Amino acid sequence: MDIIQNVAEKVNQLGEVEFDYTKTSDFNFMESLNQDCTGIVMDATVIYFEVKNIDFMLRTGKRLAARMYKIYYHILQEVCKATGGHFSCYSPKSFLLIYPKHQFDETYVVDTAIKIANLINIDLRESIEKLAHINFGIGVDSGGILGTKTLDENDYTHIAWFGRTIEKAITISSLSQRPFFVGISRSVHHNLDDSLKVTTKHVLGIKKEVDQWTRMSYQFENVKKQLFQTNAQRSFKDE
C-alpha cells in the first residue's frame, strides 16, 4: 500500500469517527487513550515557558540553539519531577508544565513559576550566560485543557495539549520579559493567597507591605483583559 492510500484511509477514519473524551482529574489516566479520536479533559493550572531568543540563536548558530533548548528542557523537566507537575515539549522554543487542580492550587503553581524564574535568572545565570543571553517569558493560566495521544505508548509525555487556557498563557508569556519574567491571568491572581500577593519591605526604615504584582492591560481574542506581572524573588533553596 502506498503513502497516499495509507494517509487517505487514516484521514477518512478520523473524519468519520466522533471524537470521544474522558473527563478526569488523574493525569495518568491513560487506559482510554489511543491514537484515534480519543482524549482526556481536565482542569489544570499551566505554566507556559518560552525561550524568546531561540529564533535569534537559530540565525547565528543552530548548534547553540539546540544546546540551549536541551539545557532549558532539563531544567524544567527536573523542576516538574521535583514539584509534582507534568512536563511537555510544546514547540521548538517552548514547554508546558501542567498541574492538575485537584492536586495543586494556583498559589503553589505561581510560586513554582516564580522560583523557576529565580533559578534561571539568578542561581544558574553565570552558567547559562557563558553560552547565551538569558531571555525567557512565563505565562500562567488556569482552566480546562484537552489532551490527545500522538504516539501509541502509555506515556503522558506523548500527549498533545489544546485549549483556551494554554492559548491565554502563551499570550501572557509573550508580554512577560525582563524585568517581569512571570505573568499570570487576572483569575489566577484573584485566587492567590495573600502571602504571594504582597511582601514586606523596608521603606525609609519602616516596614511596609507592598504589592508584588504590576497590573497591565492586554488584548486576548479581541477583548481587553488584565494580567499581573512580577519580578519577585523566591528560591527553591528556601524549601
Protein backbone atom coordinates (compact mmCIF):
# COMPACT_ATOMS: atom_id res chain seq x y z
CA MET A 1 0.00 0.00 0.00
CA ASP A 2 1.47 3.39 -0.95
CA ILE A 3 1.68 6.61 1.06
CA ILE A 4 -1.44 8.17 -0.45
CA GLN A 5 -3.57 5.14 0.32
CA ASN A 6 -2.24 4.90 3.87
CA VAL A 7 -2.90 8.50 4.80
CA ALA A 8 -6.22 8.62 2.91
CA GLU A 9 -7.52 5.70 4.95
CA LYS A 10 -6.42 7.34 8.22
CA VAL A 11 -7.92 10.69 7.25
CA ASN A 12 -11.23 9.05 6.34
CA GLN A 13 -11.21 7.03 9.56
CA LEU A 14 -10.57 10.05 11.77
CA GLY A 15 -13.02 12.17 9.78
CA GLU A 16 -15.90 9.75 10.30
CA VAL A 17 -15.37 8.82 13.97
CA GLU A 18 -16.91 11.07 16.63
CA PHE A 19 -14.26 12.45 18.98
CA ASP A 20 -14.61 10.88 22.41
CA TYR A 21 -13.00 12.09 25.61
CA THR A 22 -12.85 11.25 29.30
CA LYS A 23 -13.03 13.99 31.93
CA THR A 24 -10.59 13.08 34.66
CA SER A 25 -8.58 14.58 37.48
CA ASP A 26 -5.97 11.84 37.23
CA PHE A 27 -3.19 12.86 34.87
CA ASN A 28 -2.05 9.27 34.46
CA PHE A 29 -5.46 8.01 33.35
CA MET A 30 -4.32 6.59 30.01
CA GLU A 31 -6.41 3.46 29.59
CA SER A 32 -8.99 5.17 27.39
CA LEU A 33 -6.46 6.87 25.12
CA ASN A 34 -5.26 5.65 21.75
CA GLN A 35 -4.15 7.24 18.50
CA ASP A 36 -7.71 7.52 17.24
CA CYS A 37 -10.26 10.20 18.18
CA THR A 38 -9.99 9.96 21.96
CA GLY A 39 -8.70 12.36 24.56
CA ILE A 40 -8.76 13.48 28.17
CA VAL A 41 -10.13 16.74 29.55
CA MET A 42 -9.05 18.10 32.90
CA ASP A 43 -8.92 21.28 34.94
CA ALA A 44 -5.33 22.35 35.43
CA THR A 45 -3.06 25.30 36.01
CA VAL A 46 -0.44 25.55 33.30
CA ILE A 47 2.95 27.22 33.17
CA TYR A 48 3.92 28.12 29.60
CA PHE A 49 7.67 28.76 29.31
CA GLU A 50 9.10 30.28 26.13
CA VAL A 51 12.77 30.81 25.23
CA LYS A 52 12.43 34.15 23.47
CA ASN A 53 15.85 34.27 21.80
CA ILE A 54 15.82 30.82 20.18
CA ASP A 55 14.95 32.39 16.80
CA PHE A 56 17.96 34.73 17.07
CA MET A 57 20.21 31.81 18.02
CA LEU A 58 18.96 29.82 15.03
CA ARG A 59 20.11 32.63 12.74
CA THR A 60 23.54 32.83 14.36
CA GLY A 61 24.24 29.22 15.31
CA LYS A 62 21.94 26.21 15.10
CA ARG A 63 24.18 24.19 17.42
CA LEU A 64 23.87 26.85 20.10
CA ALA A 65 20.08 26.90 19.73
CA ALA A 66 19.93 23.11 20.10
CA ARG A 67 22.25 23.20 23.11
CA MET A 68 20.19 25.91 24.84
CA TYR A 69 16.93 24.08 24.13
CA LYS A 70 18.31 20.97 25.81
CA ILE A 71 19.55 22.99 28.78
CA TYR A 72 16.10 24.54 29.36
CA TYR A 73 14.49 21.15 28.72
CA HIS A 74 16.45 19.50 31.51
CA ILE A 75 15.94 22.41 33.92
CA LEU A 76 12.15 22.36 33.51
CA GLN A 77 11.90 18.58 33.44
CA GLU A 78 13.76 18.41 36.75
CA VAL A 79 11.53 21.10 38.27
CA CYS A 80 8.43 19.17 37.15
CA LYS A 81 9.74 15.99 38.70
CA ALA A 82 10.51 17.74 41.99
CA THR A 83 7.24 19.70 42.21
CA GLY A 84 4.81 17.00 41.06
CA GLY A 85 3.92 18.60 37.72
CA HIS A 86 3.80 17.03 34.28
CA PHE A 87 6.16 18.10 31.54
CA SER A 88 5.53 18.57 27.82
CA CYS A 89 7.57 19.95 24.92
CA TYR A 90 5.11 22.34 23.28
CA SER A 91 7.20 23.71 20.41
CA PRO A 92 10.86 24.05 19.35
CA LYS A 93 11.14 27.01 21.73
CA SER A 94 8.55 26.40 24.45
CA PHE A 95 7.45 23.99 27.16
CA LEU A 96 4.36 23.29 29.25
CA LEU A 97 4.34 22.42 32.93
CA ILE A 98 0.91 21.11 33.88
CA TYR A 99 -0.52 20.88 37.40
CA PRO A 100 -3.97 19.24 37.85
CA LYS A 101 -6.18 21.45 40.01
CA HIS A 102 -7.38 18.62 42.24
CA GLN A 103 -3.79 18.30 43.48
CA PHE A 104 -2.31 21.80 43.20
CA ASP A 105 -3.85 25.22 43.77
CA GLU A 106 -2.90 28.37 41.87
CA THR A 107 -0.70 29.65 44.71
CA TYR A 108 1.50 26.56 44.55
CA VAL A 109 1.87 26.77 40.76
CA VAL A 110 2.59 30.51 40.68
CA ASP A 111 5.11 30.07 43.48
CA THR A 112 6.78 27.39 41.34
CA ALA A 113 6.80 29.70 38.30
CA ILE A 114 8.48 32.50 40.28
CA LYS A 115 11.06 30.06 41.61
CA ILE A 116 11.78 28.83 38.06
CA ALA A 117 12.49 32.43 37.01
CA ASN A 118 14.76 32.86 40.03
CA LEU A 119 16.52 29.56 39.34
CA ILE A 120 17.38 30.53 35.78
CA ASN A 121 17.97 34.25 36.16
CA ILE A 122 19.92 34.12 39.45
CA ASP A 123 21.07 30.64 40.55
CA LEU A 124 22.09 29.43 37.07
CA ARG A 125 22.74 32.81 35.49
CA GLU A 126 26.53 32.56 35.33
CA SER A 127 26.49 29.06 33.81
CA ILE A 128 23.82 29.87 31.21
CA GLU A 129 25.16 33.27 30.16
CA LYS A 130 28.55 31.71 29.33
CA LEU A 131 26.63 30.29 26.38
CA ALA A 132 23.80 32.69 25.58
CA HIS A 133 21.90 35.71 26.89
CA ILE A 134 19.04 34.79 29.22
CA ASN A 135 15.74 35.79 27.64
CA PHE A 136 12.55 33.95 28.53
CA GLY A 137 8.93 34.58 29.45
CA ILE A 138 6.50 32.65 31.65
CA GLY A 139 2.71 32.79 31.36
CA VAL A 140 0.31 31.13 33.82
CA ASP A 141 -3.41 30.47 33.46
CA SER A 142 -5.88 28.01 34.90
CA GLY A 143 -8.84 26.17 33.37
CA GLY A 144 -9.85 23.27 31.17
CA ILE A 145 -7.35 21.63 28.80
CA LEU A 146 -7.72 18.75 26.36
CA GLY A 147 -5.04 16.21 25.54
CA THR A 148 -4.90 13.62 22.80
CA LYS A 149 -2.27 10.94 22.27
CA THR A 150 0.26 11.36 19.46
CA LEU A 151 2.14 8.06 19.90
CA ASP A 152 0.70 4.68 20.76
CA GLU A 153 2.55 4.46 24.06
CA ASN A 154 1.16 4.59 27.59
CA ASP A 155 3.13 7.71 28.47
CA TYR A 156 1.77 11.21 29.21
CA THR A 157 4.79 12.79 27.50
CA HIS A 158 3.25 11.74 24.17
CA ILE A 159 0.08 13.79 24.60
CA ALA A 160 -0.59 16.94 22.56
CA TRP A 161 -2.41 19.58 24.62
CA PHE A 162 -5.01 22.09 23.47
CA GLY A 163 -7.28 24.70 24.99
CA ARG A 164 -8.03 28.35 25.62
CA THR A 165 -6.14 28.11 28.91
CA ILE A 166 -2.92 27.31 27.06
CA GLU A 167 -3.51 29.99 24.41
CA LYS A 168 -4.04 32.58 27.14
CA ALA A 169 -0.85 31.51 28.93
CA ILE A 170 1.02 31.87 25.61
CA THR A 171 -0.27 35.42 25.13
CA ILE A 172 0.66 36.36 28.71
CA SER A 173 4.12 34.86 28.24
CA SER A 174 4.67 36.95 25.11
CA LEU A 175 4.24 40.09 27.26
CA SER A 176 6.49 38.88 30.08
CA GLN A 177 10.18 39.61 29.86
CA ARG A 178 12.89 41.34 31.86
CA PRO A 179 12.36 42.69 34.45
CA PHE A 180 9.00 40.89 34.70
CA PHE A 181 9.68 37.29 33.77
CA VAL A 182 6.41 35.92 35.16
CA GLY A 183 2.89 36.93 34.11
CA ILE A 184 -0.40 35.48 35.35
CA SER A 185 -4.03 35.94 34.37
CA ARG A 186 -6.42 38.01 36.44
CA SER A 187 -8.35 34.92 37.56
CA VAL A 188 -5.16 33.23 38.77
CA HIS A 189 -4.13 36.39 40.63
CA HIS A 190 -7.57 36.54 42.27
CA ASN A 191 -7.09 33.02 43.68
CA LEU A 192 -3.62 33.60 45.12
CA ASP A 193 -3.03 33.51 48.86
CA ASP A 194 -2.18 36.89 50.37
CA SER A 195 1.29 35.53 51.15
CA LEU A 196 2.05 35.57 47.43
CA LYS A 197 0.35 38.88 46.65
CA VAL A 198 2.32 41.14 48.98
CA THR A 199 5.75 41.23 50.54
CA THR A 200 7.31 43.20 53.38
CA LYS A 201 9.98 45.76 52.56
CA HIS A 202 11.78 48.48 54.47
CA VAL A 203 10.81 51.89 53.12
CA LEU A 204 12.75 54.73 54.78
CA GLY A 205 13.49 52.41 57.67
CA ILE A 206 9.83 51.47 58.15
CA LYS A 207 8.42 48.01 57.42
CA LYS A 208 5.67 48.20 54.83
CA GLU A 209 3.63 45.67 52.91
CA VAL A 210 3.96 46.26 49.18
CA ASP A 211 2.24 44.63 46.23
CA GLN A 212 4.43 42.08 44.45
CA TRP A 213 2.48 42.42 41.20
CA THR A 214 2.19 45.04 38.46
CA ARG A 215 -1.14 45.13 36.62
CA MET A 216 -1.36 45.80 32.90
CA SER A 217 -3.94 45.55 30.14
CA TYR A 218 -3.67 43.36 27.06
CA GLN A 219 -5.79 42.06 24.20
CA PHE A 220 -6.90 38.43 24.07
CA GLU A 221 -9.33 37.24 21.41
CA ASN A 222 -10.09 40.92 20.66
CA VAL A 223 -11.16 41.51 24.25
CA LYS A 224 -9.36 43.82 26.66
CA LYS A 225 -8.15 41.87 29.70
CA GLN A 226 -5.78 42.32 32.61
CA LEU A 227 -2.71 40.39 33.61
CA PHE A 228 -0.31 40.71 36.52
CA GLN A 229 3.48 40.59 36.27
CA THR A 230 6.18 40.20 38.88
CA ASN A 231 9.92 40.06 39.34
CA ALA A 232 9.61 38.81 42.92
CA GLN A 233 12.44 36.61 44.12
CA ARG A 234 11.55 33.25 45.62
CA SER A 235 14.06 30.40 45.65
CA PHE A 236 13.96 26.63 45.75
CA LYS A 237 16.82 26.99 48.27
CA ASP A 238 14.31 28.26 50.84
CA GLU A 239 12.41 24.97 50.92
